[in-house]
Amino acid sequence: MKHKILLIASILTLLSACSKKAQSTPTPLPPNYLSTVVALTGLAAFATPDGLTPSAMPAEIAVSTELPTPSIEIPSPTPTFAAGFTDFAQIRFMTPGPASSVISPIHIQVMLISGESEIVQVDLLGEDGRVLQRDLERVTRNLKGIFRRFDLKFEIRAVSEVGYIRISSKDDFGRIQALNTMPVLLYSIGSAQINPPGNMIYERVMVEGLKEKADFYAGEVSLKGRIWPFNDQPVFVELILPDGRPISTRVLTFDGIETQSFETTLPYKVTEPTLARLTFRQENPLLSVSDPELEKYVYVYSIEITLNP
């Protein structure tokens, strides 16, 4: 009996020793373990105190990524306009439309009737009027209009700013024959968001009964029609001779930028039948830089008429 007790005690002692030995056996290290530890330790040495100090996770804060948008009216996809405004603009923007967000390069598509010079000038202006890009192209004059595409690259220092796409054409005497402007938002980063052109596909001036080369007599050009002002600035109406001299000027003022009626007369004096360009023009007061030839014009509509004594 005594021998059995000693035998059992010996077995228990042996099992206990084996168990302790198994628990103390270290786990084999994976390959490259030491080099990884050294690298991580080195990175930790360059960590900032904030990175080494545990802290509670900050609560999520909603931050708006939208940039301020100027008050440019965004048109509906389907143009609707007052009666009488049915003539397409001589320079008709197809894309982009007003207040479109654009990045470089801007892809511009237009239907245009080139002036008699057949030279079309495309300018991209910054919000102060500085020229960011300019392109000159010869376009055959076609009264039905010709489709053209222009790609303009630009760089701006700010994240965004208001910009203006201005397209113009002159006649064979160097007078501005047509000029139209599209206000857009220039972004240095991000993606483009293109709006439809809306009513801006139509001419902004409608003169009742006026035709190209129309004859006027007795020293007076009587005009009656409607205008859709581009802004709240006055509209200048002029008779311009082939040498560029204006021989008669009227200033039209309007209440707001809605379509409005007008009626005016321009007196003139000639001794023989004379071709003159009847011109309606409006300026952009937001431009601080003035072009030597196009000045601060935002819109120009013109038609050639005949002045008789």
Protein backbone atom coordinates (compact mmCIF):
# COMPACT_ATOMS: atom_id res chain seq x y z
CA MET A 1 0.00 0.00 0.00
CA LYS A 2 2.79 2.33 0.94
CA HIS A 3 4.56 1.54 -2.33
CA LYS A 4 1.40 2.41 -4.33
CA ILE A 5 1.13 5.77 -2.62
CA LEU A 6 4.76 6.61 -3.41
CA LEU A 7 4.26 5.55 -7.05
CA ILE A 8 1.22 7.79 -7.48
CA ALA A 9 3.04 10.73 -5.89
CA SER A 10 6.00 10.25 -8.24
CA ILE A 11 3.72 10.23 -11.31
CA LEU A 12 1.97 13.44 -10.18
CA THR A 13 5.32 15.13 -9.60
CA LEU A 14 6.48 14.12 -13.10
CA LEU A 15 3.31 15.39 -14.75
CA SER A 16 3.60 18.74 -12.96
CA ALA A 17 7.16 19.20 -14.14
CA CYS A 18 6.23 18.39 -17.74
CA SER A 19 3.37 20.90 -17.63
CA LYS A 20 5.63 23.70 -16.37
CA LYS A 21 8.19 22.88 -19.07
CA ALA A 22 5.55 23.06 -21.79
CA GLN A 23 4.31 26.47 -20.55
CA SER A 24 7.80 27.94 -20.43
CA THR A 25 8.71 26.92 -23.98
CA PRO A 26 9.01 30.16 -26.05
CA THR A 27 7.07 30.62 -29.35
CA PRO A 28 9.38 30.57 -32.39
CA LEU A 29 9.92 34.07 -33.90
CA PRO A 30 8.73 34.65 -37.48
CA PRO A 31 11.30 35.42 -40.17
CA ASN A 32 12.55 39.06 -40.30
CA TYR A 33 10.85 39.73 -36.95
CA LEU A 34 13.85 41.51 -35.45
CA SER A 35 14.38 43.78 -38.47
CA THR A 36 10.68 44.73 -38.40
CA VAL A 37 10.88 45.58 -34.71
CA VAL A 38 13.95 47.76 -35.31
CA ALA A 39 12.23 49.62 -38.14
CA LEU A 40 9.07 50.25 -36.13
CA THR A 41 11.10 51.42 -33.20
CA GLY A 42 12.97 53.86 -35.43
CA LEU A 43 9.71 55.32 -36.75
CA ALA A 44 8.38 55.65 -33.23
CA ALA A 45 11.41 57.73 -32.32
CA PHE A 46 10.33 60.37 -34.88
CA ALA A 47 6.67 60.34 -33.86
CA THR A 48 5.22 63.53 -32.37
CA PRO A 49 4.20 63.56 -28.72
CA ASP A 50 0.57 63.76 -29.80
CA GLY A 51 1.00 60.64 -31.87
CA LEU A 52 2.52 58.75 -28.96
CA THR A 53 -0.09 59.83 -26.46
CA PRO A 54 -3.36 57.92 -26.66
CA SER A 55 -6.36 60.21 -27.07
CA ALA A 56 -10.05 59.85 -27.63
CA MET A 57 -11.21 59.77 -31.26
CA PRO A 58 -12.58 63.20 -32.30
CA ALA A 59 -16.23 63.50 -33.12
CA GLU A 60 -16.98 63.77 -36.85
CA ILE A 61 -17.45 67.39 -37.96
CA ALA A 62 -19.27 68.15 -41.20
CA VAL A 63 -17.18 70.50 -43.31
CA SER A 64 -18.71 72.05 -46.41
CA THR A 65 -16.55 71.68 -49.52
CA GLU A 66 -18.74 73.92 -51.63
CA LEU A 67 -17.27 77.20 -52.74
CA PRO A 68 -19.35 80.39 -52.82
CA THR A 69 -21.29 80.80 -56.06
CA PRO A 70 -21.95 84.24 -57.53
CA SER A 71 -25.50 85.24 -58.28
CA ILE A 72 -25.66 84.03 -61.88
CA GLU A 73 -29.04 82.77 -62.96
CA ILE A 74 -28.98 79.12 -64.03
CA PRO A 75 -31.44 78.60 -66.89
CA SER A 76 -33.88 75.76 -67.33
CA PRO A 77 -33.07 73.14 -69.99
CA THR A 78 -36.02 74.33 -72.10
CA PRO A 79 -35.66 77.96 -73.23
CA THR A 80 -38.72 80.16 -72.77
CA PHE A 81 -38.60 83.75 -73.86
CA ALA A 82 -40.74 86.81 -74.41
CA ALA A 83 -42.52 87.25 -77.72
CA GLY A 84 -40.32 88.57 -80.49
CA PHE A 85 -37.02 87.06 -79.33
CA THR A 86 -36.88 84.30 -81.90
CA ASP A 87 -33.64 85.08 -83.76
CA PHE A 88 -30.68 82.99 -82.73
CA ALA A 89 -27.67 84.99 -81.58
CA GLN A 90 -24.98 85.57 -84.18
CA ILE A 91 -22.68 83.98 -81.59
CA ARG A 92 -24.73 81.24 -79.98
CA PHE A 93 -23.22 79.28 -77.08
CA MET A 94 -24.22 75.62 -77.05
CA THR A 95 -21.98 74.66 -74.15
CA PRO A 96 -21.08 75.62 -71.46
CA GLY A 97 -24.10 77.51 -70.14
CA PRO A 98 -24.18 80.28 -67.52
CA ALA A 99 -22.71 79.50 -64.08
CA SER A 100 -21.18 76.24 -65.31
CA SER A 101 -18.28 75.02 -63.19
CA VAL A 102 -15.35 74.42 -65.52
CA ILE A 103 -11.79 73.19 -65.20
CA SER A 104 -8.92 73.45 -67.66
CA PRO A 105 -9.24 72.91 -70.56
CA ILE A 106 -12.69 74.38 -71.23
CA HIS A 107 -14.50 72.73 -74.13
CA ILE A 108 -16.57 75.40 -75.87
CA GLN A 109 -19.13 74.64 -78.57
CA VAL A 110 -20.79 77.45 -80.52
CA MET A 111 -22.86 78.11 -83.61
CA LEU A 112 -21.70 81.41 -85.05
CA ILE A 113 -22.03 83.75 -87.99
CA SER A 114 -18.60 85.16 -88.58
CA GLY A 115 -18.23 88.84 -89.32
CA GLU A 116 -17.24 89.98 -92.80
CA SER A 117 -13.57 89.86 -91.75
CA GLU A 118 -14.06 86.11 -91.18
CA ILE A 119 -11.83 86.35 -88.11
CA VAL A 120 -13.28 85.12 -84.82
CA GLN A 121 -11.61 85.98 -81.52
CA VAL A 122 -12.19 83.81 -78.44
CA ASP A 123 -11.10 85.21 -75.07
CA LEU A 124 -11.18 83.66 -71.62
CA LEU A 125 -11.22 86.47 -69.07
CA GLY A 126 -10.57 86.31 -65.34
CA GLU A 127 -12.93 87.98 -62.90
CA ASP A 128 -11.00 91.27 -63.17
CA GLY A 129 -10.90 91.19 -66.95
CA ARG A 130 -7.35 89.91 -67.48
CA VAL A 131 -6.94 87.66 -70.50
CA LEU A 132 -6.23 84.08 -69.40
CA GLN A 133 -6.27 82.65 -72.92
CA ARG A 134 -6.93 83.98 -76.43
CA ASP A 135 -7.56 82.20 -79.69
CA LEU A 136 -7.98 83.60 -83.21
CA GLU A 137 -9.53 81.52 -85.95
CA ARG A 138 -10.63 82.15 -89.50
CA VAL A 139 -14.24 81.11 -90.01
CA THR A 140 -16.02 81.33 -93.35
CA ARG A 141 -19.01 83.65 -93.19
CA ASN A 142 -22.25 81.74 -93.50
CA LEU A 143 -25.57 83.37 -92.60
CA LYS A 144 -26.95 79.98 -91.53
CA GLY A 145 -24.21 79.66 -88.92
CA ILE A 146 -21.23 77.35 -88.61
CA PHE A 147 -20.46 74.98 -85.75
CA ARG A 148 -17.12 75.51 -84.05
CA ARG A 149 -15.38 74.01 -81.03
CA PHE A 150 -12.67 75.75 -79.03
CA ASP A 151 -10.54 74.30 -76.22
CA LEU A 152 -9.11 76.89 -73.86
CA LYS A 153 -6.51 76.12 -71.20
CA PHE A 154 -6.08 78.32 -68.15
CA GLU A 155 -4.33 78.62 -64.81
CA ILE A 156 -5.57 80.57 -61.79
CA ARG A 157 -3.91 81.12 -58.43
CA ALA A 158 -7.07 80.79 -56.36
CA VAL A 159 -9.14 77.64 -56.01
CA SER A 160 -11.92 79.34 -57.97
CA GLU A 161 -12.99 82.63 -59.50
CA VAL A 162 -15.63 83.99 -61.81
CA GLY A 163 -14.62 83.94 -65.47
CA TYR A 164 -16.05 85.08 -68.79
CA ILE A 165 -15.88 83.42 -72.17
CA ARG A 166 -16.06 86.25 -74.71
CA ILE A 167 -16.34 85.61 -78.44
CA SER A 168 -16.26 88.44 -80.96
CA SER A 169 -16.04 89.05 -84.68
CA LYS A 170 -15.43 92.17 -86.78
CA ASP A 171 -16.52 93.34 -90.20
CA ASP A 172 -14.19 94.12 -93.10
CA PHE A 173 -13.70 97.69 -91.77
CA GLY A 174 -12.58 96.49 -88.35
CA ARG A 175 -15.81 97.44 -86.56
CA ILE A 176 -17.20 95.00 -84.00
CA GLN A 177 -19.93 93.10 -85.79
CA ALA A 178 -20.96 90.74 -83.00
CA LEU A 179 -19.84 90.01 -79.44
CA ASN A 180 -21.30 87.68 -76.86
CA THR A 181 -20.21 86.62 -73.38
CA MET A 182 -20.82 83.56 -71.22
CA PRO A 183 -20.19 83.87 -67.45
CA VAL A 184 -18.71 80.71 -65.90
CA LEU A 185 -17.01 79.59 -62.69
CA LEU A 186 -13.33 78.72 -63.09
CA TYR A 187 -11.93 76.00 -60.81
CA SER A 188 -8.29 74.99 -60.48
CA ILE A 189 -9.28 71.52 -59.18
CA GLY A 190 -12.34 69.34 -59.15
CA SER A 191 -14.68 68.24 -61.92
CA ALA A 192 -16.75 70.18 -64.43
CA GLN A 193 -20.48 70.72 -63.99
CA ILE A 194 -22.07 72.04 -67.16
CA ASN A 195 -25.38 73.91 -67.24
CA PRO A 196 -27.61 74.34 -70.31
CA PRO A 197 -27.42 77.64 -72.23
CA GLY A 198 -31.15 78.34 -71.79
CA ASN A 199 -32.38 81.61 -73.31
CA MET A 200 -28.85 82.77 -74.05
CA ILE A 201 -29.12 81.11 -77.46
CA TYR A 202 -31.25 84.08 -78.61
CA GLU A 203 -30.23 87.57 -79.64
CA ARG A 204 -30.78 90.12 -76.85
CA VAL A 205 -31.98 92.86 -79.19
CA MET A 206 -35.16 92.82 -81.26
CA VAL A 207 -35.91 95.84 -83.47
CA GLU A 208 -39.28 95.83 -85.18
CA GLY A 209 -39.10 95.68 -88.99
CA LEU A 210 -35.32 96.08 -89.15
CA LYS A 211 -33.55 94.29 -91.99
CA GLU A 212 -29.94 94.20 -93.19
CA LYS A 213 -29.11 97.21 -95.43
CA ALA A 214 -32.46 98.85 -94.58
CA ASP A 215 -32.82 102.40 -95.94
CA PHE A 216 -33.40 105.42 -93.71
CA TYR A 217 -34.19 108.96 -94.86
CA ALA A 218 -34.64 112.51 -93.66
CA GLY A 219 -31.75 112.47 -91.21
CA GLU A 220 -33.34 110.22 -88.63
CA VAL A 221 -33.25 106.55 -87.70
CA SER A 222 -36.36 105.62 -85.73
CA LEU A 223 -36.13 102.44 -83.68
CA LYS A 224 -38.68 100.52 -81.67
CA GLY A 225 -38.34 97.10 -80.11
CA ARG A 226 -37.34 95.13 -77.04
CA ILE A 227 -34.05 94.48 -75.25
CA TRP A 228 -33.00 91.84 -72.77
CA PRO A 229 -30.22 93.66 -70.82
CA PHE A 230 -27.19 91.60 -69.88
CA ASN A 231 -26.86 93.59 -66.64
CA ASP A 232 -28.10 96.83 -65.10
CA GLN A 233 -25.73 99.04 -67.10
CA PRO A 234 -26.91 101.43 -69.83
CA VAL A 235 -27.17 100.23 -73.40
CA PHE A 236 -25.43 102.45 -75.97
CA VAL A 237 -26.99 102.69 -79.42
CA GLU A 238 -24.73 104.14 -82.11
CA LEU A 239 -24.42 104.78 -85.83
CA ILE A 240 -20.81 103.99 -86.76
CA LEU A 241 -19.27 104.94 -90.10
CA PRO A 242 -16.87 102.64 -91.99
CA ASP A 243 -13.88 104.56 -90.59
CA GLY A 244 -15.03 103.73 -87.04
CA ARG A 245 -16.41 107.18 -86.16
CA PRO A 246 -19.77 107.26 -84.39
CA ILE A 247 -22.00 109.98 -85.87
CA SER A 248 -24.95 109.52 -83.53
CA THR A 249 -25.36 108.02 -80.06
CA ARG A 250 -28.24 107.33 -77.72
CA VAL A 251 -28.09 105.93 -74.20
CA LEU A 252 -30.89 103.61 -73.06
CA THR A 253 -31.41 102.91 -69.37
CA PHE A 254 -33.53 100.08 -68.01
CA ASP A 255 -35.13 99.07 -64.75
CA GLY A 256 -33.63 95.68 -63.87
CA ILE A 257 -32.51 92.97 -66.27
CA GLU A 258 -35.88 91.68 -67.45
CA THR A 259 -36.86 92.07 -71.11
CA GLN A 260 -38.10 95.61 -71.69
CA SER A 261 -39.42 97.74 -74.52
CA PHE A 262 -37.58 100.73 -75.95
CA GLU A 263 -38.19 103.44 -78.50
CA THR A 264 -35.63 105.98 -79.65
CA THR A 265 -34.35 107.99 -82.62
CA LEU A 266 -30.81 108.64 -83.83
CA PRO A 267 -30.33 111.86 -85.86
CA TYR A 268 -27.68 111.91 -88.60
CA LYS A 269 -26.34 114.10 -91.39
CA VAL A 270 -25.02 112.72 -94.68
CA THR A 271 -24.70 114.21 -98.17
CA GLU A 272 -24.91 110.90 -100.04
CA PRO A 273 -26.08 107.34 -99.40
CA THR A 274 -23.81 106.01 -96.66
CA LEU A 275 -23.50 102.57 -95.14
CA ALA A 276 -23.35 102.71 -91.34
CA ARG A 277 -23.35 100.04 -88.69
CA LEU A 278 -26.20 100.34 -86.19
CA THR A 279 -24.74 99.01 -82.96
CA PHE A 280 -26.19 98.12 -79.57
CA ARG A 281 -23.55 97.54 -76.89
CA GLN A 282 -23.38 97.04 -73.14
CA GLU A 283 -20.41 96.87 -70.77
CA ASN A 284 -19.48 94.66 -67.84
CA PRO A 285 -18.88 96.87 -64.76
CA LEU A 286 -17.18 94.01 -62.90
CA LEU A 287 -14.15 94.10 -65.19
CA SER A 288 -11.33 96.28 -63.91
CA VAL A 289 -9.08 95.57 -66.91
CA SER A 290 -10.17 97.07 -70.23
CA ASP A 291 -9.24 95.62 -73.62
CA PRO A 292 -7.78 98.27 -75.98
CA GLU A 293 -10.27 97.29 -78.71
CA LEU A 294 -13.10 95.41 -77.02
CA GLU A 295 -12.89 97.56 -73.90
CA LYS A 296 -15.28 96.13 -71.26
CA TYR A 297 -17.97 95.02 -73.67
CA VAL A 298 -20.14 92.16 -72.53
CA TYR A 299 -22.54 92.17 -75.49
CA VAL A 300 -22.64 93.79 -78.93
CA TYR A 301 -25.36 93.44 -81.56
CA SER A 302 -25.05 95.22 -84.88
CA ILE A 303 -26.59 95.42 -88.33
CA GLU A 304 -25.55 97.42 -91.37
CA ILE A 305 -28.04 100.01 -92.64
CA THR A 306 -28.07 102.66 -95.36
CA LEU A 307 -28.34 106.32 -94.42
CA ASN A 308 -29.78 108.55 -97.14
CA PRO A 309 -29.85 112.37 -97.19
